[in-house]
């Protein structure tokens, strides 16, 4: 079987987009079937209403997105990342397995129309994989929150740009630990909690609620976030 065809088969395994009838279980990761493609590292699945989306990372640097909306044909896109970036992301994601923890507590119960079901699947070194299921308001362990942030960074690379070239022209070199940034796609505020001069990644945490944590390449900050505002309070939207 050719690699492109095998990849397509993996991505076509997305579940039909239907509203979840019950809250996703808040337990440690559950074992998934062992039948996975060689080279599979991890995937992020998000489903809400009739739409389901999966972004997968492979150890050759391939990242792939599959989107299913109702009965419409599945749309598949692929990109590549550098070996160095793939190695860093793989390490961050793998920490969610060694932590031995999944989502903390019970998922928050929301109405079916407003709740997103989120699944993170991570390959085990010895074979097979582990799935973590939660929703947007489920408290996560630090390691799983970082894995989610890393995979959401890959997801963001398939999103259509929403800002003009002028809007994303601020200099990412000026960003520093403690700065607050507003994410362009949803208006959420994040604070830079770690700025390591030896790493190309900056670590950000959702401001206030601390529900979401991620590592973002410094060069990608202007595309994903608005310019930091340091001279005046930042009002929530």
C-alpha atoms as a PDB file:
ATOM      1  CA  UNK A   1       0.000   0.000   0.000  1.00  0.00           C
ATOM      2  CA  UNK A   2       1.434   3.399  -0.940  1.00  0.00           C
ATOM      3  CA  UNK A   3       2.150   5.911   1.829  1.00  0.00           C
ATOM      4  CA  UNK A   4      -0.335   8.519   0.488  1.00  0.00           C
ATOM      5  CA  UNK A   5      -3.100   5.907   0.257  1.00  0.00           C
ATOM      6  CA  UNK A   6      -2.356   4.558   3.735  1.00  0.00           C
ATOM      7  CA  UNK A   7      -2.390   8.089   5.127  1.00  0.00           C
ATOM      8  CA  UNK A   8      -5.737   8.752   3.505  1.00  0.00           C
ATOM      9  CA  UNK A   9      -7.172   5.564   5.027  1.00  0.00           C
ATOM     10  CA  UNK A  10      -6.001   6.621   8.488  1.00  0.00           C
ATOM     11  CA  UNK A  11      -7.557  10.050   8.140  1.00  0.00           C
ATOM     12  CA  UNK A  12     -10.788   8.690   6.707  1.00  0.00           C
ATOM     13  CA  UNK A  13     -11.269   6.848   9.986  1.00  0.00           C
ATOM     14  CA  UNK A  14     -12.801  10.013  11.429  1.00  0.00           C
ATOM     15  CA  UNK A  15     -16.084   9.274  13.185  1.00  0.00           C
ATOM     16  CA  UNK A  16     -19.223  10.732  11.587  1.00  0.00           C
ATOM     17  CA  UNK A  17     -19.838  14.262  12.839  1.00  0.00           C
ATOM     18  CA  UNK A  18     -22.727  13.918  15.271  1.00  0.00           C
ATOM     19  CA  UNK A  19     -23.366  15.731  18.546  1.00  0.00           C
ATOM     20  CA  UNK A  20     -22.041  13.755  21.541  1.00  0.00           C
ATOM     21  CA  UNK A  21     -24.907  12.386  23.617  1.00  0.00           C
ATOM     22  CA  UNK A  22     -22.945  12.194  26.854  1.00  0.00           C
ATOM     23  CA  UNK A  23     -19.962  13.918  28.322  1.00  0.00           C
ATOM     24  CA  UNK A  24     -16.591  12.351  27.445  1.00  0.00           C
ATOM     25  CA  UNK A  25     -15.198  10.250  30.306  1.00  0.00           C
ATOM     26  CA  UNK A  26     -12.673  11.935  32.572  1.00  0.00           C
ATOM     27  CA  UNK A  27     -10.270   9.088  33.210  1.00  0.00           C
ATOM     28  CA  UNK A  28      -6.660   8.344  32.484  1.00  0.00           C
ATOM     29  CA  UNK A  29      -5.883   7.558  28.874  1.00  0.00           C
ATOM     30  CA  UNK A  30      -7.621   4.516  27.438  1.00  0.00           C
ATOM     31  CA  UNK A  31      -5.933   2.043  25.109  1.00  0.00           C
ATOM     32  CA  UNK A  32      -6.818   2.392  21.439  1.00  0.00           C
ATOM     33  CA  UNK A  33      -6.646  -0.409  18.839  1.00  0.00           C
ATOM     34  CA  UNK A  34      -3.076  -1.328  17.922  1.00  0.00           C
ATOM     35  CA  UNK A  35      -3.714  -1.126  14.168  1.00  0.00           C
ATOM     36  CA  UNK A  36      -1.971   2.167  13.420  1.00  0.00           C
ATOM     37  CA  UNK A  37       0.229   3.163  10.520  1.00  0.00           C
ATOM     38  CA  UNK A  38       3.993   2.885  11.006  1.00  0.00           C
ATOM     39  CA  UNK A  39       5.323   6.313  11.905  1.00  0.00           C
ATOM     40  CA  UNK A  40       2.148   7.581  13.579  1.00  0.00           C
ATOM     41  CA  UNK A  41       3.079   9.939  16.467  1.00  0.00           C
ATOM     42  CA  UNK A  42      -0.098  11.639  17.651  1.00  0.00           C
ATOM     43  CA  UNK A  43      -3.382  13.171  16.556  1.00  0.00           C
ATOM     44  CA  UNK A  44      -5.889  15.758  17.728  1.00  0.00           C
ATOM     45  CA  UNK A  45      -9.576  15.175  16.962  1.00  0.00           C
ATOM     46  CA  UNK A  46     -12.244  17.810  17.519  1.00  0.00           C
ATOM     47  CA  UNK A  47     -15.940  17.206  16.861  1.00  0.00           C
ATOM     48  CA  UNK A  48     -18.954  19.431  17.347  1.00  0.00           C
ATOM     49  CA  UNK A  49     -22.332  19.133  15.704  1.00  0.00           C
ATOM     50  CA  UNK A  50     -21.917  17.767  12.175  1.00  0.00           C
ATOM     51  CA  UNK A  51     -18.257  18.709  11.860  1.00  0.00           C
ATOM     52  CA  UNK A  52     -15.289  16.541  12.814  1.00  0.00           C
ATOM     53  CA  UNK A  53     -11.652  17.404  12.271  1.00  0.00           C
ATOM     54  CA  UNK A  54      -8.463  15.393  12.785  1.00  0.00           C
ATOM     55  CA  UNK A  55      -4.870  16.583  12.580  1.00  0.00           C
ATOM     56  CA  UNK A  56      -2.168  13.895  12.734  1.00  0.00           C
ATOM     57  CA  UNK A  57       1.615  14.034  13.105  1.00  0.00           C
ATOM     58  CA  UNK A  58       3.968  11.386  11.665  1.00  0.00           C
ATOM     59  CA  UNK A  59       7.634  10.774  12.441  1.00  0.00           C
ATOM     60  CA  UNK A  60       8.767  11.752   8.939  1.00  0.00           C
ATOM     61  CA  UNK A  61       7.528  15.304   9.606  1.00  0.00           C
ATOM     62  CA  UNK A  62       4.244  14.923   7.730  1.00  0.00           C
ATOM     63  CA  UNK A  63       1.255  16.675   9.295  1.00  0.00           C
ATOM     64  CA  UNK A  64      -2.149  15.918   7.835  1.00  0.00           C
ATOM     65  CA  UNK A  65      -5.629  17.330   8.330  1.00  0.00           C
ATOM     66  CA  UNK A  66      -8.940  15.661   7.517  1.00  0.00           C
ATOM     67  CA  UNK A  67     -12.263  17.491   7.842  1.00  0.00           C
ATOM     68  CA  UNK A  68     -15.698  15.871   7.660  1.00  0.00           C
ATOM     69  CA  UNK A  69     -18.835  18.012   7.574  1.00  0.00           C
ATOM     70  CA  UNK A  70     -22.091  16.052   7.569  1.00  0.00           C
ATOM     71  CA  UNK A  71     -22.374  13.881   4.473  1.00  0.00           C
ATOM     72  CA  UNK A  72     -19.981  16.017   2.407  1.00  0.00           C
ATOM     73  CA  UNK A  73     -16.769  14.420   1.092  1.00  0.00           C
ATOM     74  CA  UNK A  74     -13.851  14.424   3.524  1.00  0.00           C
ATOM     75  CA  UNK A  75     -11.269  17.107   2.753  1.00  0.00           C
ATOM     76  CA  UNK A  76      -7.642  16.060   3.309  1.00  0.00           C
ATOM     77  CA  UNK A  77      -4.603  18.378   3.352  1.00  0.00           C
ATOM     78  CA  UNK A  78      -0.942  17.663   4.082  1.00  0.00           C
ATOM     79  CA  UNK A  79       2.124  19.711   5.027  1.00  0.00           C
ATOM     80  CA  UNK A  80       5.668  19.014   6.262  1.00  0.00           C
ATOM     81  CA  UNK A  81       7.651  20.328   9.211  1.00  0.00           C
ATOM     82  CA  UNK A  82      11.401  20.195   9.791  1.00  0.00           C
ATOM     83  CA  UNK A  83      13.027  17.194  11.508  1.00  0.00           C
ATOM     84  CA  UNK A  84      14.150  19.435  14.388  1.00  0.00           C
ATOM     85  CA  UNK A  85      10.654  20.770  14.985  1.00  0.00           C
ATOM     86  CA  UNK A  86       9.170  17.283  14.709  1.00  0.00           C
ATOM     87  CA  UNK A  87      11.616  16.022  17.345  1.00  0.00           C
ATOM     88  CA  UNK A  88      10.698  18.814  19.775  1.00  0.00           C
ATOM     89  CA  UNK A  89       6.953  18.303  19.272  1.00  0.00           C
ATOM     90  CA  UNK A  90       7.254  14.529  19.632  1.00  0.00           C
ATOM     91  CA  UNK A  91       9.098  14.945  22.947  1.00  0.00           C
ATOM     92  CA  UNK A  92       6.495  17.373  24.316  1.00  0.00           C
ATOM     93  CA  UNK A  93       3.626  15.103  23.269  1.00  0.00           C
ATOM     94  CA  UNK A  94       5.262  11.943  24.654  1.00  0.00           C
ATOM     95  CA  UNK A  95       5.446  13.526  28.129  1.00  0.00           C
ATOM     96  CA  UNK A  96       1.669  13.085  28.378  1.00  0.00           C
ATOM     97  CA  UNK A  97       2.236   9.308  28.402  1.00  0.00           C
ATOM     98  CA  UNK A  98       4.943   9.310  31.056  1.00  0.00           C
ATOM     99  CA  UNK A  99       2.950  11.571  33.397  1.00  0.00           C
ATOM    100  CA  UNK A 100       0.400   8.788  33.933  1.00  0.00           C
ATOM    101  CA  UNK A 101      -2.443  11.292  34.169  1.00  0.00           C
ATOM    102  CA  UNK A 102      -5.417  12.104  32.015  1.00  0.00           C
ATOM    103  CA  UNK A 103      -8.044  14.831  32.402  1.00  0.00           C
ATOM    104  CA  UNK A 104      -8.621  15.719  36.049  1.00  0.00           C
ATOM    105  CA  UNK A 105     -12.107  15.455  37.564  1.00  0.00           C
ATOM    106  CA  UNK A 106     -15.387  15.160  35.680  1.00  0.00           C
ATOM    107  CA  UNK A 107     -15.858  16.957  32.341  1.00  0.00           C
ATOM    108  CA  UNK A 108     -18.037  20.043  32.513  1.00  0.00           C
ATOM    109  CA  UNK A 109     -21.524  19.231  31.217  1.00  0.00           C
ATOM    110  CA  UNK A 110     -22.590  21.645  28.508  1.00  0.00           C
ATOM    111  CA  UNK A 111     -25.464  21.483  26.062  1.00  0.00           C
ATOM    112  CA  UNK A 112     -24.857  19.231  23.065  1.00  0.00           C
ATOM    113  CA  UNK A 113     -24.960  22.188  20.702  1.00  0.00           C
ATOM    114  CA  UNK A 114     -22.188  24.090  22.492  1.00  0.00           C
ATOM    115  CA  UNK A 115     -19.863  21.334  23.719  1.00  0.00           C
ATOM    116  CA  UNK A 116     -16.881  20.249  21.675  1.00  0.00           C
ATOM    117  CA  UNK A 117     -15.553  16.740  22.122  1.00  0.00           C
ATOM    118  CA  UNK A 118     -11.759  16.670  22.012  1.00  0.00           C
ATOM    119  CA  UNK A 119      -9.632  13.549  21.668  1.00  0.00           C
ATOM    120  CA  UNK A 120      -5.846  13.354  21.800  1.00  0.00           C
ATOM    121  CA  UNK A 121      -4.352  10.074  20.596  1.00  0.00           C
ATOM    122  CA  UNK A 122      -0.673   9.359  21.256  1.00  0.00           C
ATOM    123  CA  UNK A 123       1.341   6.390  19.975  1.00  0.00           C
ATOM    124  CA  UNK A 124       3.006   4.145  22.568  1.00  0.00           C
ATOM    125  CA  UNK A 125       6.712   3.356  21.968  1.00  0.00           C
ATOM    126  CA  UNK A 126       5.937  -0.357  22.363  1.00  0.00           C
ATOM    127  CA  UNK A 127       3.020  -0.233  19.918  1.00  0.00           C
ATOM    128  CA  UNK A 128      -0.622   0.741  19.964  1.00  0.00           C
ATOM    129  CA  UNK A 129      -1.780   4.105  21.248  1.00  0.00           C
ATOM    130  CA  UNK A 130      -3.600   5.872  24.079  1.00  0.00           C
ATOM    131  CA  UNK A 131      -6.647   8.124  23.724  1.00  0.00           C
ATOM    132  CA  UNK A 132      -7.514  10.993  26.073  1.00  0.00           C
ATOM    133  CA  UNK A 133     -11.093  12.324  25.770  1.00  0.00           C
ATOM    134  CA  UNK A 134     -12.263  15.607  27.305  1.00  0.00           C
ATOM    135  CA  UNK A 135     -14.090  18.865  26.535  1.00  0.00           C
ATOM    136  CA  UNK A 136     -12.997  22.517  26.515  1.00  0.00           C
ATOM    137  CA  UNK A 137     -13.566  23.040  30.244  1.00  0.00           C
ATOM    138  CA  UNK A 138     -12.076  19.792  31.541  1.00  0.00           C
ATOM    139  CA  UNK A 139      -9.092  20.482  33.849  1.00  0.00           C
ATOM    140  CA  UNK A 140      -6.005  18.850  32.323  1.00  0.00           C
ATOM    141  CA  UNK A 141      -2.696  17.757  33.759  1.00  0.00           C
ATOM    142  CA  UNK A 142       0.213  20.017  32.837  1.00  0.00           C
ATOM    143  CA  UNK A 143       1.762  17.399  30.532  1.00  0.00           C
ATOM    144  CA  UNK A 144      -1.503  16.758  28.681  1.00  0.00           C
ATOM    145  CA  UNK A 145      -2.135  20.499  28.399  1.00  0.00           C
ATOM    146  CA  UNK A 146       1.249  20.931  26.755  1.00  0.00           C
ATOM    147  CA  UNK A 147       0.533  18.070  24.345  1.00  0.00           C
ATOM    148  CA  UNK A 148      -2.774  19.708  23.464  1.00  0.00           C
ATOM    149  CA  UNK A 149      -1.033  23.029  22.841  1.00  0.00           C
ATOM    150  CA  UNK A 150       1.563  21.401  20.585  1.00  0.00           C
ATOM    151  CA  UNK A 151      -1.107  19.644  18.509  1.00  0.00           C
ATOM    152  CA  UNK A 152      -3.270  22.773  18.326  1.00  0.00           C
ATOM    153  CA  UNK A 153      -0.239  24.602  16.935  1.00  0.00           C
ATOM    154  CA  UNK A 154      -0.197  22.063  14.080  1.00  0.00           C
ATOM    155  CA  UNK A 155      -3.963  22.486  13.673  1.00  0.00           C
ATOM    156  CA  UNK A 156      -3.509  26.265  13.356  1.00  0.00           C
ATOM    157  CA  UNK A 157      -1.229  25.797  10.358  1.00  0.00           C
ATOM    158  CA  UNK A 158      -4.171  24.562   8.288  1.00  0.00           C
ATOM    159  CA  UNK A 159      -6.447  27.491   9.193  1.00  0.00           C
ATOM    160  CA  UNK A 160      -7.170  30.223   6.701  1.00  0.00           C
ATOM    161  CA  UNK A 161      -5.392  33.498   7.535  1.00  0.00           C
ATOM    162  CA  UNK A 162      -7.759  35.992   9.115  1.00  0.00           C
ATOM    163  CA  UNK A 163      -5.417  38.939   9.498  1.00  0.00           C
ATOM    164  CA  UNK A 164      -3.941  41.248   6.889  1.00  0.00           C
ATOM    165  CA  UNK A 165      -0.204  41.335   6.231  1.00  0.00           C
ATOM    166  CA  UNK A 166      -0.008  44.631   8.080  1.00  0.00           C
ATOM    167  CA  UNK A 167      -1.665  43.173  11.182  1.00  0.00           C
ATOM    168  CA  UNK A 168       0.823  40.313  11.454  1.00  0.00           C
ATOM    169  CA  UNK A 169       3.901  42.439  10.841  1.00  0.00           C
ATOM    170  CA  UNK A 170       4.825  43.046  14.487  1.00  0.00           C
ATOM    171  CA  UNK A 171       8.286  41.856  15.510  1.00  0.00           C
ATOM    172  CA  UNK A 172       8.135  38.586  17.440  1.00  0.00           C
ATOM    173  CA  UNK A 173      11.625  39.314  18.813  1.00  0.00           C
ATOM    174  CA  UNK A 174      10.062  41.936  21.104  1.00  0.00           C
ATOM    175  CA  UNK A 175       7.854  39.371  22.888  1.00  0.00           C
ATOM    176  CA  UNK A 176       9.079  38.467  26.364  1.00  0.00           C
ATOM    177  CA  UNK A 177       8.055  36.511  29.458  1.00  0.00           C
ATOM    178  CA  UNK A 178       5.089  38.118  31.201  1.00  0.00           C
ATOM    179  CA  UNK A 179       3.577  39.640  28.048  1.00  0.00           C
ATOM    180  CA  UNK A 180      -0.124  39.068  27.419  1.00  0.00           C
ATOM    181  CA  UNK A 181      -1.227  38.235  23.873  1.00  0.00           C
ATOM    182  CA  UNK A 182      -4.702  37.892  22.375  1.00  0.00           C
ATOM    183  CA  UNK A 183      -5.227  34.864  20.111  1.00  0.00           C
ATOM    184  CA  UNK A 184      -6.581  35.993  16.763  1.00  0.00           C
ATOM    185  CA  UNK A 185      -8.978  33.117  16.079  1.00  0.00           C
ATOM    186  CA  UNK A 186     -11.028  33.325  19.272  1.00  0.00           C
ATOM    187  CA  UNK A 187      -9.945  36.406  21.236  1.00  0.00           C
ATOM    188  CA  UNK A 188      -8.604  34.420  24.229  1.00  0.00           C
ATOM    189  CA  UNK A 189      -5.852  36.047  26.274  1.00  0.00           C
ATOM    190  CA  UNK A 190      -2.594  34.189  26.917  1.00  0.00           C
ATOM    191  CA  UNK A 191       0.448  35.064  29.003  1.00  0.00           C
ATOM    192  CA  UNK A 192       4.011  34.135  28.045  1.00  0.00           C
ATOM    193  CA  UNK A 193       5.171  32.047  31.013  1.00  0.00           C
ATOM    194  CA  UNK A 194       8.503  30.844  29.638  1.00  0.00           C
ATOM    195  CA  UNK A 195      10.970  32.442  27.240  1.00  0.00           C
ATOM    196  CA  UNK A 196      14.030  30.232  26.925  1.00  0.00           C
ATOM    197  CA  UNK A 197      16.792  31.822  24.879  1.00  0.00           C
ATOM    198  CA  UNK A 198      18.092  28.333  24.031  1.00  0.00           C
ATOM    199  CA  UNK A 199      14.793  27.220  22.483  1.00  0.00           C
ATOM    200  CA  UNK A 200      12.878  28.514  19.424  1.00  0.00           C
ATOM    201  CA  UNK A 201       9.616  27.873  21.322  1.00  0.00           C
ATOM    202  CA  UNK A 202       7.819  30.145  23.775  1.00  0.00           C
ATOM    203  CA  UNK A 203       5.471  28.671  26.368  1.00  0.00           C
ATOM    204  CA  UNK A 204       2.082  30.348  26.810  1.00  0.00           C
ATOM    205  CA  UNK A 205      -0.714  29.781  29.302  1.00  0.00           C
ATOM    206  CA  UNK A 206      -4.325  30.961  29.114  1.00  0.00           C
ATOM    207  CA  UNK A 207      -4.530  34.110  31.203  1.00  0.00           C
ATOM    208  CA  UNK A 208      -6.576  33.868  34.361  1.00  0.00           C
ATOM    209  CA  UNK A 209      -8.263  30.455  34.053  1.00  0.00           C
ATOM    210  CA  UNK A 210      -5.088  28.521  33.066  1.00  0.00           C
ATOM    211  CA  UNK A 211      -7.148  25.930  31.188  1.00  0.00           C
ATOM    212  CA  UNK A 212      -4.906  25.843  28.138  1.00  0.00           C
ATOM    213  CA  UNK A 213      -1.121  25.749  27.807  1.00  0.00           C
ATOM    214  CA  UNK A 214       0.950  25.531  24.637  1.00  0.00           C
ATOM    215  CA  UNK A 215       4.382  25.877  23.090  1.00  0.00           C
ATOM    216  CA  UNK A 216       4.540  28.115  20.021  1.00  0.00           C
ATOM    217  CA  UNK A 217       7.527  28.839  17.756  1.00  0.00           C
ATOM    218  CA  UNK A 218       8.486  32.483  18.321  1.00  0.00           C
ATOM    219  CA  UNK A 219       8.336  33.190  14.596  1.00  0.00           C
ATOM    220  CA  UNK A 220       4.689  32.062  14.509  1.00  0.00           C
ATOM    221  CA  UNK A 221       3.492  34.429  17.260  1.00  0.00           C
ATOM    222  CA  UNK A 222       2.463  37.328  14.937  1.00  0.00           C
ATOM    223  CA  UNK A 223       0.338  34.952  12.813  1.00  0.00           C
ATOM    224  CA  UNK A 224      -1.511  33.483  15.780  1.00  0.00           C
ATOM    225  CA  UNK A 225      -1.592  36.387  18.250  1.00  0.00           C
ATOM    226  CA  UNK A 226      -2.107  40.143  18.204  1.00  0.00           C
ATOM    227  CA  UNK A 227       0.753  42.413  19.242  1.00  0.00           C
ATOM    228  CA  UNK A 228       1.322  42.555  23.021  1.00  0.00           C
ATOM    229  CA  UNK A 229      -0.125  45.561  24.814  1.00  0.00           C
ATOM    230  CA  UNK A 230       2.026  46.518  27.790  1.00  0.00           C
ATOM    231  CA  UNK A 231       1.087  50.111  28.542  1.00  0.00           C
ATOM    232  CA  UNK A 232      -2.597  49.617  29.369  1.00  0.00           C
ATOM    233  CA  UNK A 233      -4.883  46.924  30.837  1.00  0.00           C
ATOM    234  CA  UNK A 234      -6.114  44.318  28.387  1.00  0.00           C
ATOM    235  CA  UNK A 235      -9.910  44.020  28.552  1.00  0.00           C
ATOM    236  CA  UNK A 236     -11.486  40.585  27.934  1.00  0.00           C
ATOM    237  CA  UNK A 237     -13.657  40.228  24.853  1.00  0.00           C
END
